[in-house]
Protein backbone atom coordinates (compact mmCIF):
# COMPACT_ATOMS: atom_id res chain seq x y z
CA MET A 1 20.49 -15.36 131.50
CA SER A 2 21.51 -16.75 128.08
CA GLY A 3 24.62 -18.86 127.65
CA GLY A 4 25.68 -17.17 124.85
CA GLY A 5 25.74 -13.99 126.89
CA PHE A 6 27.19 -15.70 129.72
CA VAL A 7 30.00 -16.98 127.37
CA ARG A 8 30.65 -13.34 125.82
CA ARG A 9 31.01 -11.80 129.06
CA LEU A 10 33.48 -14.35 130.30
CA GLY A 11 35.38 -14.19 127.13
CA ALA A 12 35.46 -10.07 127.77
CA ASN A 13 36.65 -10.73 131.41
CA ALA A 14 39.36 -12.84 129.97
CA ALA A 15 40.35 -10.27 127.70
CA ARG A 16 40.94 -7.69 130.51
CA ALA A 17 42.66 -9.84 132.11
CA ALA A 18 45.01 -9.76 129.95
CA ARG A 19 44.97 -6.17 129.00
CA GLN A 20 45.68 -5.34 133.00
CA GLY A 21 48.91 -7.49 132.53
CA PHE A 22 49.99 -5.51 129.55
CA ALA A 23 48.96 -2.21 130.96
CA ARG A 24 51.59 -2.94 133.82
CA ARG A 25 54.14 -2.81 131.98
CA GLN A 26 52.76 -0.59 128.90
CA LEU A 27 51.46 2.32 131.23
CA ALA A 28 53.59 3.83 134.27
CA ARG A 29 51.71 3.49 137.45
CA ASP A 30 53.50 6.14 139.49
CA GLY A 31 53.11 8.97 137.37
CA GLY A 32 55.60 10.38 134.91
CA LEU A 33 53.69 9.37 131.83
CA TRP A 34 52.66 11.36 129.35
CA LEU A 35 50.39 10.67 126.56
CA ASP A 36 51.50 10.72 122.73
CA VAL A 37 48.38 11.56 120.94
CA ARG A 38 48.95 12.19 117.11
CA ILE A 39 46.12 14.07 114.84
CA GLY A 40 46.28 13.32 111.43
CA PRO A 41 44.98 14.86 108.11
CA LEU A 42 41.87 12.41 107.60
CA LEU A 43 40.48 12.31 110.81
CA HIS A 44 37.40 9.48 110.68
CA GLU A 45 34.48 9.63 113.22
CA LEU A 46 35.06 6.28 114.36
CA ARG A 47 38.32 4.15 113.91
CA PRO A 48 39.02 2.76 110.49
CA SER A 49 38.94 -0.81 110.13
CA ALA A 50 42.41 -2.69 109.62
CA PHE A 51 43.18 -5.80 107.76
CA PRO A 52 43.48 -8.69 109.80
CA PHE A 53 47.18 -8.72 111.32
CA VAL A 54 47.49 -5.18 110.31
CA PRO A 55 47.58 -2.61 113.01
CA PRO A 56 44.89 0.18 112.75
CA GLY A 57 45.31 3.07 110.94
CA GLY A 58 45.11 5.45 113.97
CA ALA A 59 42.30 6.61 116.51
CA GLY A 60 38.81 8.25 115.27
CA LEU A 61 37.30 10.94 116.68
CA LEU A 62 35.75 9.47 119.05
CA ASP A 63 38.85 7.38 120.19
CA LEU A 64 40.68 10.73 120.56
CA LEU A 65 37.93 12.67 122.82
CA ARG A 66 37.43 9.52 125.38
CA ILE A 67 41.28 9.39 125.55
CA LEU A 68 41.56 13.00 126.21
CA HIS A 69 38.52 12.90 129.14
CA CYS A 70 40.30 9.80 130.63
CA ALA A 71 43.21 11.51 131.39
CA ALA A 72 41.81 15.04 132.18
CA GLY A 73 40.70 12.55 135.31
CA ASP A 74 43.91 10.00 135.59
CA ARG A 75 46.48 10.89 138.28
CA HIS A 76 48.87 8.61 136.51
CA VAL A 77 48.85 10.93 133.34
CA ASP A 78 51.22 14.18 133.67
CA GLY A 79 50.63 15.37 130.74
CA VAL A 80 49.53 15.12 127.09
CA LEU A 81 51.86 15.59 123.81
CA LEU A 82 49.49 16.43 120.67
CA ARG A 83 51.17 15.64 117.18
CA PHE A 84 49.64 17.08 114.45
CA GLU A 85 50.44 15.32 111.12
CA GLY A 86 48.96 16.66 108.46
CA ALA A 87 46.06 19.08 107.33
CA ALA A 88 43.35 19.63 109.60
CA PRO A 89 39.96 18.20 110.39
CA GLY A 90 36.79 19.68 109.57
CA LEU A 91 35.84 22.86 112.44
CA SER A 92 33.41 20.50 113.85
CA GLN A 93 35.99 18.10 115.02
CA VAL A 94 38.64 20.98 115.37
CA LEU A 95 36.04 22.77 118.09
CA ALA A 96 35.32 18.85 119.99
CA LEU A 97 38.97 18.67 120.51
CA ARG A 98 39.86 21.72 121.44
CA ARG A 99 36.87 21.85 124.17
CA ALA A 100 38.78 18.55 125.54
CA VAL A 101 42.42 20.01 125.31
CA GLU A 102 40.78 22.78 127.54
CA ALA A 103 39.42 19.93 129.86
CA VAL A 104 42.80 18.39 130.32
CA ARG A 105 44.28 22.19 130.92
CA ALA A 106 41.47 22.91 133.54
CA SER A 107 42.47 19.76 135.63
CA GLY A 108 45.97 21.01 135.97
CA LYS A 109 48.09 19.21 133.49
CA PRO A 110 50.26 20.53 131.09
CA VAL A 111 49.98 20.14 127.34
CA ALA A 112 52.28 20.34 124.30
CA ALA A 113 51.26 20.94 120.95
CA TYR A 114 53.58 19.89 118.12
CA GLY A 115 54.07 20.11 113.99
CA ASP A 116 56.14 20.57 111.66
CA ALA A 117 53.89 23.07 109.89
CA LEU A 118 50.35 24.58 111.63
CA GLY A 119 47.40 25.62 109.61
CA ILE A 120 44.45 27.22 110.82
CA GLY A 121 42.76 24.10 112.31
CA GLU A 122 45.36 22.72 114.01
CA TYR A 123 46.75 26.07 115.50
CA TRP A 124 42.88 26.40 116.48
CA ILE A 125 43.21 23.17 118.82
CA ALA A 126 47.01 23.85 119.59
CA SER A 127 46.31 27.54 120.75
CA ALA A 128 44.22 25.60 123.98
CA ALA A 129 47.78 24.15 125.16
CA SER A 130 50.13 25.27 127.37
CA SER A 131 53.07 24.72 125.18
CA ILE A 132 53.35 25.06 121.41
CA TRP A 133 56.50 24.37 119.49
CA LEU A 134 57.28 23.87 115.96
CA PRO A 135 61.03 23.17 114.21
CA GLU A 136 63.19 25.66 113.15
CA SER A 137 62.26 25.88 109.57
CA GLY A 138 58.62 24.87 110.77
CA SER A 139 55.87 27.30 109.56
CA LEU A 140 52.41 28.76 111.25
CA PHE A 141 50.02 29.12 107.88
CA LEU A 142 47.67 31.69 110.24
CA VAL A 143 45.83 34.10 107.52
CA GLY A 144 42.62 33.93 108.27
CA LEU A 145 39.61 32.32 106.77
CA ARG A 146 37.95 32.04 102.95
CA ALA A 147 34.33 30.69 101.68
CA GLU A 148 34.71 30.32 97.86
CA SER A 149 32.15 29.51 95.32
CA THR A 150 32.74 28.35 91.79
CA PHE A 151 30.52 28.91 88.81
CA VAL A 152 30.47 27.23 85.91
CA ARG A 153 27.21 28.70 84.26
CA SER A 154 28.71 30.18 81.14
CA LEU A 155 30.86 26.83 80.63
CA LEU A 156 27.13 25.27 80.30
CA ASP A 157 26.33 28.33 78.04
CA ARG A 158 29.11 27.11 75.70
CA PHE A 159 27.57 23.76 75.33
CA ALA A 160 24.06 25.09 75.11
CA ILE A 161 23.25 23.52 78.19
CA GLU A 162 20.38 25.11 80.23
CA PRO A 163 19.66 24.02 83.66
CA GLU A 164 16.21 24.51 84.68
CA ILE A 165 15.87 24.59 88.48
CA LEU A 166 12.97 25.83 91.18
CA ARG A 167 13.51 26.63 94.29
CA LEU A 168 11.26 27.04 97.32
CA GLY A 169 13.47 29.33 99.74
CA ALA A 170 15.44 32.84 98.61
CA TYR A 171 18.54 31.26 100.10
CA LYS A 172 18.68 27.75 99.26
CA SER A 173 21.90 28.12 96.89
CA ALA A 174 22.68 24.50 95.88
CA ALA A 175 21.69 25.11 92.27
CA GLU A 176 23.35 28.47 91.78
CA PRO A 177 26.75 27.38 90.43
CA PHE A 178 24.89 26.28 87.25
CA THR A 179 22.23 28.93 86.90
CA ARG A 180 24.43 31.99 87.95
CA ASP A 181 28.07 33.35 87.34
CA SER A 182 28.65 34.72 90.63
CA MET A 183 26.90 34.82 94.59
CA SER A 184 23.36 36.08 94.85
CA PRO A 185 22.63 38.90 97.38
CA GLU A 186 21.30 35.95 99.77
CA GLN A 187 23.93 33.56 98.97
CA ARG A 188 26.53 36.39 100.13
CA GLU A 189 24.81 37.48 103.11
CA GLN A 190 24.72 34.15 104.55
CA LEU A 191 28.01 33.30 103.92
CA GLU A 192 29.48 36.40 105.41
CA ALA A 193 27.21 35.69 108.33
CA LEU A 194 29.04 32.37 108.62
CA LEU A 195 32.22 34.03 108.18
CA ASP A 196 31.95 36.66 111.13
CA ASP A 197 30.72 33.92 113.07
CA PHE A 198 33.48 31.51 112.54
CA TYR A 199 36.34 34.16 112.54
CA ALA A 200 34.92 35.40 115.55
CA GLY A 201 35.14 31.75 117.37
CA LEU A 202 38.85 31.96 115.72
CA VAL A 203 39.95 35.56 117.44
CA GLU A 204 38.54 34.47 120.66
CA ALA A 205 40.46 30.70 121.16
CA ILE A 206 43.80 32.38 120.01
CA ALA A 207 43.29 35.32 122.54
CA LYS A 208 42.13 32.83 125.21
CA GLY A 209 45.17 30.49 124.38
CA ARG A 210 47.66 32.51 124.21
CA THR A 211 46.43 35.61 126.44
CA LEU A 212 45.89 37.98 123.61
CA ALA A 213 43.97 40.67 123.24
CA PRO A 214 41.24 40.34 120.41
CA GLU A 215 42.81 43.25 118.28
CA ALA A 216 46.11 42.02 118.76
CA VAL A 217 45.12 38.76 117.80
CA ARG A 218 43.54 40.31 114.72
CA ALA A 219 46.10 42.31 113.63
CA ARG A 220 48.68 38.96 113.86
CA ILE A 221 46.40 36.99 111.54
CA ASP A 222 46.53 39.99 108.99
CA ALA A 223 50.71 39.90 109.02
CA GLY A 224 50.59 35.97 108.70
CA PRO A 225 51.79 33.41 107.64
CA TYR A 226 54.97 32.81 109.83
CA HIS A 227 58.21 30.95 109.77
CA ALA A 228 58.98 29.34 113.23
CA ALA A 229 61.16 32.24 114.52
CA ALA A 230 58.62 35.10 113.58
CA ALA A 231 55.78 33.00 115.24
CA ARG A 232 58.42 33.02 118.51
CA GLU A 233 58.48 36.65 118.07
CA ALA A 234 54.70 36.98 117.85
CA GLY A 235 53.83 35.14 121.15
CA LEU A 236 52.01 32.84 118.92
CA ILE A 237 54.00 29.52 119.99
CA ASP A 238 56.76 29.29 122.92
CA ARG A 239 60.25 27.22 121.34
CA SER A 240 61.48 25.86 118.31
CA LEU A 241 62.47 22.28 118.99
CA TYR A 242 63.09 19.13 116.80
CA PRO A 243 61.48 16.13 117.66
CA ASP A 244 64.67 14.71 119.52
CA GLU A 245 63.94 17.37 121.66
CA ILE A 246 60.57 17.16 122.96
CA GLU A 247 61.53 14.46 125.35
CA ASP A 248 63.31 17.01 127.47
CA ALA A 249 61.25 19.58 127.33
CA LEU A 250 58.23 17.48 128.61
CA ALA A 251 60.49 16.57 131.44
CA ALA A 252 60.59 20.33 132.16
CA LEU A 253 57.14 20.46 131.63
CA THR A 254 56.20 17.48 134.18
CA PRO A 255 54.61 18.88 137.20
CA GLY A 256 57.05 18.21 140.80
CA ARG A 257 59.64 16.98 139.01
CA ALA A 258 63.47 18.46 140.12
CA ALA A 259 65.20 20.13 137.60
CA ASP A 260 67.92 17.89 138.02
CA GLU A 261 66.25 14.55 137.64
CA LYS A 262 67.39 12.24 135.25
CA ARG A 263 64.42 9.83 134.91
CA PRO A 264 63.22 9.78 131.35
CA VAL A 265 59.79 10.60 130.55
CA LYS A 266 57.96 7.96 129.67
CA LEU A 267 55.58 8.37 126.45
CA ALA A 268 52.85 5.98 125.79
CA PRO A 269 50.75 5.54 122.77
CA ALA A 270 47.42 7.01 122.64
CA ALA A 271 46.09 3.95 121.26
CA SER A 272 47.48 1.79 124.21
CA TYR A 273 45.83 3.92 126.59
CA LEU A 274 42.73 4.03 124.89
CA ALA A 275 42.34 0.06 124.89
CA LEU A 276 44.02 -0.22 128.61
CA ARG A 277 42.47 2.88 130.49
CA ALA A 278 40.07 4.93 128.21
CA ALA A 279 37.85 2.23 126.64
CA ASP A 280 37.87 0.11 129.97
CA VAL A 281 34.86 0.04 131.81
CA GLY A 282 36.05 -2.56 134.51
CA TRP A 283 34.90 -6.23 134.90
CA ARG A 284 31.76 -7.53 133.23
CA PRO A 285 29.68 -9.11 135.76
CA LEU A 286 28.63 -12.64 134.95
CA LEU A 287 25.29 -12.81 135.39
CA SER A 288 24.21 -9.73 133.56
CA ASP A 289 24.51 -7.36 131.01
CA LEU A 290 26.03 -3.87 131.59
CA PRO A 291 23.93 -1.24 129.83
CA ARG A 292 24.56 -0.30 126.36
CA ILE A 293 24.66 2.89 124.25
CA ALA A 294 24.65 2.89 120.63
CA TYR A 295 26.86 5.35 118.73
CA VAL A 296 25.50 5.73 115.22
CA VAL A 297 27.55 7.75 112.62
CA ALA A 298 25.58 8.76 109.50
CA SER A 299 27.83 10.52 107.06
CA GLY A 300 27.51 11.77 103.25
CA LEU A 301 24.91 12.32 100.97
CA ILE A 302 21.21 10.73 101.44
CA ARG A 303 19.88 8.17 99.39
CA ARG A 304 17.25 5.74 98.82
CA GLY A 305 18.37 2.26 99.01
CA SER A 306 20.90 0.07 100.75
CA GLY A 307 24.81 -0.12 101.09
CA ALA A 308 27.84 1.11 102.47
CA ARG A 309 28.13 4.62 100.10
CA GLY A 310 26.81 7.65 101.88
CA ILE A 311 23.87 7.58 104.14
CA ALA A 312 21.15 4.78 102.57
CA SER A 313 17.90 5.05 103.52
CA ASP A 314 17.26 1.49 104.28
CA ALA A 315 20.64 0.53 105.47
CA LEU A 316 20.20 3.38 108.23
CA ARG A 317 16.73 2.49 108.98
CA GLY A 318 17.32 -0.70 109.39
CA LEU A 319 20.02 -0.35 111.81
CA LEU A 320 17.91 2.08 113.88
CA GLU A 321 14.92 -0.39 113.89
CA ARG A 322 17.37 -2.89 115.26
CA LEU A 323 18.81 -0.81 118.15
CA ALA A 324 15.48 0.17 118.94
CA LYS A 325 14.02 -3.17 119.75
CA ASP A 326 17.45 -4.43 121.53
CA ASP A 327 16.18 -4.20 125.06
CA GLY A 328 19.95 -3.98 125.99
CA ILE A 329 20.70 -0.45 123.91
CA ARG A 330 19.23 1.93 126.69
CA GLY A 331 20.08 4.81 124.34
CA ILE A 332 21.33 6.21 120.77
CA VAL A 333 23.32 9.01 119.71
CA LEU A 334 22.88 9.71 116.30
CA ARG A 335 26.20 11.43 114.92
CA VAL A 336 25.36 13.39 111.73
CA ASN A 337 27.40 15.13 108.85
CA SER A 338 25.48 15.33 105.52
CA PRO A 339 24.59 18.31 103.43
CA GLY A 340 21.10 16.61 102.26
CA GLY A 341 20.01 14.61 99.22
CA ASP A 342 17.34 12.79 98.60
CA GLY A 343 14.08 14.27 99.80
CA LEU A 344 11.85 11.15 100.45
CA ALA A 345 15.00 9.40 102.00
CA SER A 346 15.39 12.23 104.47
CA ASP A 347 11.77 11.85 105.23
CA LEU A 348 12.18 7.38 105.83
CA LEU A 349 14.96 8.41 107.89
CA TRP A 350 13.48 10.86 110.03
CA ARG A 351 10.07 8.72 110.92
CA ALA A 352 12.77 5.90 111.64
CA VAL A 353 14.42 8.67 114.03
CA ARG A 354 11.18 9.11 115.48
CA LYS A 355 9.50 5.35 115.76
CA ALA A 356 13.10 4.80 117.76
CA LYS A 357 12.79 7.67 120.28
CA GLN A 358 9.29 6.27 121.11
CA LYS A 359 11.38 3.03 122.71
CA LYS A 360 14.72 4.82 124.10
CA PRO A 361 16.18 8.48 124.02
CA VAL A 362 18.13 9.41 120.72
CA VAL A 363 20.51 12.56 120.91
CA VAL A 364 21.63 13.82 117.71
CA SER A 365 25.51 15.34 117.44
CA MET A 366 25.86 17.52 114.60
CA GLY A 367 29.19 17.32 112.56
CA ASP A 368 30.43 20.00 110.05
CA VAL A 369 27.35 19.94 107.69
CA VAL A 370 24.21 18.86 108.73
CA ALA A 371 21.72 21.17 106.29
CA SER A 372 19.19 20.16 104.28
CA GLY A 373 17.83 16.57 104.52
CA GLY A 374 20.89 16.28 107.17
CA TYR A 375 18.98 18.51 109.45
CA TYR A 376 15.46 16.93 108.14
CA ILE A 377 16.67 13.49 110.01
CA ALA A 378 18.12 15.42 112.86
CA CYS A 379 15.06 17.35 113.76
CA GLY A 380 13.14 14.16 114.83
CA ALA A 381 15.29 13.37 117.57
CA ASP A 382 14.92 14.17 121.57
CA ALA A 383 17.89 16.60 121.67
CA VAL A 384 20.50 18.09 119.11
CA PHE A 385 23.92 19.42 119.63
CA ALA A 386 25.97 21.39 117.21
CA GLU A 387 29.52 22.79 117.35
CA ALA A 388 29.60 26.89 117.37
CA ALA A 389 30.81 26.55 113.61
CA THR A 390 28.50 23.45 112.58
CA VAL A 391 26.43 24.41 109.36
CA THR A 392 23.13 23.76 109.68
CA GLY A 393 19.68 24.66 108.65
CA SER A 394 18.67 25.06 104.83
CA ILE A 395 15.15 24.39 105.21
CA GLY A 396 14.14 24.85 101.82
CA VAL A 397 13.62 22.64 98.56
CA VAL A 398 15.52 22.89 95.09
CA GLY A 399 14.66 20.74 92.04
CA GLY A 400 14.56 20.80 88.17
CA LYS A 401 16.34 19.28 85.39
CA VAL A 402 19.12 20.00 82.17
CA ASN A 403 17.42 21.20 78.97
CA LEU A 404 19.85 20.04 76.51
CA SER A 405 18.02 20.45 73.37
CA GLU A 406 20.07 22.95 72.03
CA LEU A 407 23.32 21.14 72.46
CA TYR A 408 21.78 17.95 70.56
CA ARG A 409 20.49 20.40 67.61
CA ARG A 410 24.55 21.63 67.57
CA PHE A 411 25.63 18.18 67.66
CA GLY A 412 23.00 16.85 65.04
CA ILE A 413 21.07 14.59 67.36
CA SER A 414 17.32 14.39 67.71
CA LYS A 415 15.12 12.65 69.48
CA GLU A 416 11.26 12.09 69.03
CA ALA A 417 9.02 10.47 71.40
CA ILE A 418 5.50 9.34 71.48
CA GLU A 419 3.40 10.22 74.96
CA ARG A 420 0.17 9.34 76.46
CA GLY A 421 -0.71 12.05 79.23
CA THR A 422 -0.25 15.50 79.41
CA ARG A 423 3.23 15.68 81.20
CA ALA A 424 4.95 12.20 80.11
CA GLY A 425 7.74 14.08 79.35
CA MET A 426 8.20 16.19 81.76
CA LEU A 427 11.43 15.20 83.16
CA SER A 428 12.99 14.40 79.53
CA GLU A 429 16.34 16.22 79.12
CA ALA A 430 15.39 16.68 75.18
CA ARG A 431 13.15 19.43 76.31
CA GLY A 432 11.99 22.03 78.97
CA PHE A 433 9.60 22.28 80.94
CA THR A 434 5.89 23.64 79.52
CA ALA A 435 4.49 26.50 81.84
CA ASP A 436 2.10 23.51 82.72
CA GLU A 437 5.14 21.22 83.92
CA ARG A 438 6.70 24.32 85.72
CA ALA A 439 3.78 25.04 87.66
CA ALA A 440 3.27 20.99 88.95
CA LEU A 441 7.20 20.78 90.24
CA ARG A 442 6.38 24.05 92.01
CA GLY A 443 3.27 22.47 93.23
CA GLU A 444 5.21 19.74 94.47
CA LEU A 445 8.24 21.49 96.11
CA ALA A 446 5.80 23.56 97.97
CA HIS A 447 4.53 20.25 99.61
CA VAL A 448 8.06 18.95 100.15
CA TYR A 449 8.63 22.30 101.61
CA ASP A 450 5.48 22.67 103.55
CA THR A 451 6.30 19.10 104.84
CA PHE A 452 9.80 20.01 106.07
CA VAL A 453 8.74 22.61 108.02
CA SER A 454 5.70 20.79 109.83
CA ARG A 455 8.48 17.88 110.66
CA VAL A 456 10.93 20.98 111.86
CA ALA A 457 8.04 22.06 114.12
CA GLU A 458 6.99 19.18 115.43
CA GLY A 459 10.44 17.49 116.40
CA ARG A 460 11.67 21.23 117.78
CA GLY A 461 8.52 22.00 119.39
CA ILE A 462 7.97 25.54 117.92
CA GLU A 463 5.67 26.83 116.12
CA PRO A 464 5.80 26.59 112.42
CA GLY A 465 5.89 30.66 112.11
CA GLN A 466 9.02 30.51 114.26
CA VAL A 467 10.68 27.74 111.66
CA GLU A 468 9.74 29.69 108.75
CA ARG A 469 11.80 32.96 110.00
CA ALA A 470 14.65 30.22 110.16
CA ALA A 471 14.15 28.67 106.90
CA GLY A 472 14.06 30.08 103.58
CA GLY A 473 16.68 27.80 102.85
CA ARG A 474 19.21 29.63 104.89
CA VAL A 475 22.48 28.19 106.76
CA TRP A 476 23.19 28.97 110.01
CA SER A 477 26.06 28.41 112.44
CA GLY A 478 25.52 26.29 115.05
CA LEU A 479 25.45 29.36 117.58
CA ARG A 480 22.85 31.26 115.68
CA ALA A 481 21.28 28.00 115.18
CA GLN A 482 20.97 27.32 118.65
CA ALA A 483 19.29 31.09 118.98
CA LEU A 484 16.79 30.22 116.74
CA GLY A 485 15.67 26.88 118.29
CA LEU A 486 17.22 24.62 115.67
CA VAL A 487 19.34 23.08 118.32
CA ASP A 488 19.41 22.68 121.87
CA ALA A 489 22.98 23.49 122.93
CA ILE A 490 26.78 23.72 121.85
CA GLY A 491 28.66 20.07 122.32
CA GLY A 492 30.02 17.62 120.77
CA PRO A 493 29.92 13.47 120.64
CA LEU A 494 30.75 13.49 124.50
CA GLU A 495 28.35 16.13 125.14
CA ALA A 496 25.48 14.25 123.17
CA LEU A 497 26.66 11.27 124.98
CA ARG A 498 26.10 12.62 128.39
CA GLU A 499 22.51 13.79 127.76
CA VAL A 500 21.49 10.53 126.35
CA CYS A 501 22.90 8.51 129.54
CA ARG A 502 21.35 11.33 131.25
CA ARG A 503 17.86 10.69 129.66
CA ALA A 504 18.13 6.92 129.76
CA GLY A 505 18.48 7.30 133.35
CA LEU A 506 22.07 6.18 133.85
CA VAL A 507 23.30 7.74 136.97
CA GLU A 508 26.47 9.39 137.18
CA GLY A 509 29.58 6.97 137.82
CA GLN A 510 27.39 4.21 136.87
CA ARG A 511 29.10 1.96 134.23
CA TRP A 512 28.22 1.37 130.46
CA LEU A 513 29.71 -0.15 127.57
CA LEU A 514 29.79 2.37 124.29
CA GLU A 515 28.77 0.17 121.49
CA GLN A 516 30.20 1.86 117.78
CA HIS A 517 27.95 1.64 114.32
CA PRO A 518 28.17 1.07 111.58
CA ARG A 519 30.01 -2.01 112.12
CA ARG A 520 32.43 -3.60 109.35
CA PRO A 521 34.00 -6.58 108.94
CA ARG A 522 37.71 -6.10 108.87
CA LEU A 523 38.28 -7.74 105.58
CA PRO A 524 35.13 -6.91 103.32
CA GLY A 525 33.51 -10.26 102.89
CA LEU A 526 35.23 -12.03 105.58
CA ARG A 527 32.32 -12.45 107.82
CA ALA A 528 30.61 -13.95 104.91
CA LEU A 529 33.23 -16.47 104.23
CA VAL A 530 34.07 -17.79 107.68
CA ALA A 531 30.24 -18.52 108.20
CA LEU A 532 29.42 -20.19 104.44
CA ALA A 533 33.32 -22.18 106.16
CA LEU A 534 31.22 -23.20 109.22
CA GLY A 535 28.10 -23.26 107.57
CA LEU A 536 26.32 -20.81 109.47
CA PRO A 537 23.49 -18.39 108.56
CA ILE A 538 24.76 -15.13 107.13
CA ASP A 539 24.05 -11.84 108.59
CA PRO A 540 22.65 -9.53 106.56
CA ARG A 541 24.08 -7.06 108.31
């Protein structure tokens, strides 16, 4: 037993004792408690850092899911109020939140949803609530789904810029905005399929939540948008309320409350409930620590190197190595949201995932888009969870350059080079590829493509031929990806956490600590400044 660990656990217990005292004042213990859950326009995967002495900006996705999960089984919570405060989060976040709302409803607790104006994403979540409210001047922008592509080939032609792009996979469409003036038949086919899946999910959700027939939902979508009164007449919302009328409406929804009871409803902020109940694991044993599960968020374009921008291969690889070596970490959930990026960096991270899972279970939870290099990383895990609306796959390769020789000629720019080696100028923008260089590049891309297919086959435990049928650069919805064997199950962060706990041998009801990564200081450079001031070594993380 280390002295540092003992002191840390003692401090955690002291902090819990203080929180418990605060909870007695903040949270009702005899019922009558409604949770005030606010869903903002920029819903981060993890709670955003705050500056010192400044309250945090709001809950992240994982926080909201834990709050709703805890509330479903908490006898002190009478119901949940959802307040939408801006544009909806991504579709994967929408579906995870809707599933959490359905779980609260299934526990017998009412859920009310309120917003000044609701769009598609917000309404997708809100339709699972028992009551939906808008102010009289509010609106419901329910008009369907649209996928749009922008093409700049004609603009590039005006400036004599010639994209020279090679791709392996007929559906690999990343370069089409630069090489075409319209969608290729393959791109149109895969976008049609995605929209069919997403639209069917939207219709099914509204039909279930509002007790309407699917054809009636489609007719209402075609008739949108709606002002509040029209939405109420169409059966899409329940009442028109202003914010000052919400608490009285909640009182009427509270189970077991007498109609003439005057006691006000107690609204508790979701952040307080998270700290005092949802994230509370109980008293920490002093002589040993609780098992820990690491939740790692990897979001953005994949690139080589380090730093906080996107998914940096050195930074994420180093983190996974440290977590794999930490005996206190029993399992890792890797939350991935990436359209891809650098192929070499993707392979380095695939290797890091494979090495980590030799020491402990690694489960991937997919966000809105986990395609190309993002899927390359994910397929190395023990299990992969996707939302029905996750865009995934894109098992293909694209590469090339732009040829600016004609642009240079028009502007009177000339370049002259001396070379040694037949292909020394292969990547120069001052000329196009030669036939030999084009063949060489195609060979390199073929090698990357074959490696990608073999990685997927190995990671998913399926034959390369089966991977080829799902490859070709095509993207799939989570539902279709599951049918193709690219993912294991439909689910989000909570389902991935349950799976990693099961694989780690943690039994139902066993306590464990959630450790979220990447960890960043509340103020950039603050940790280093404190370390320097105290004469301590600086942690490079």
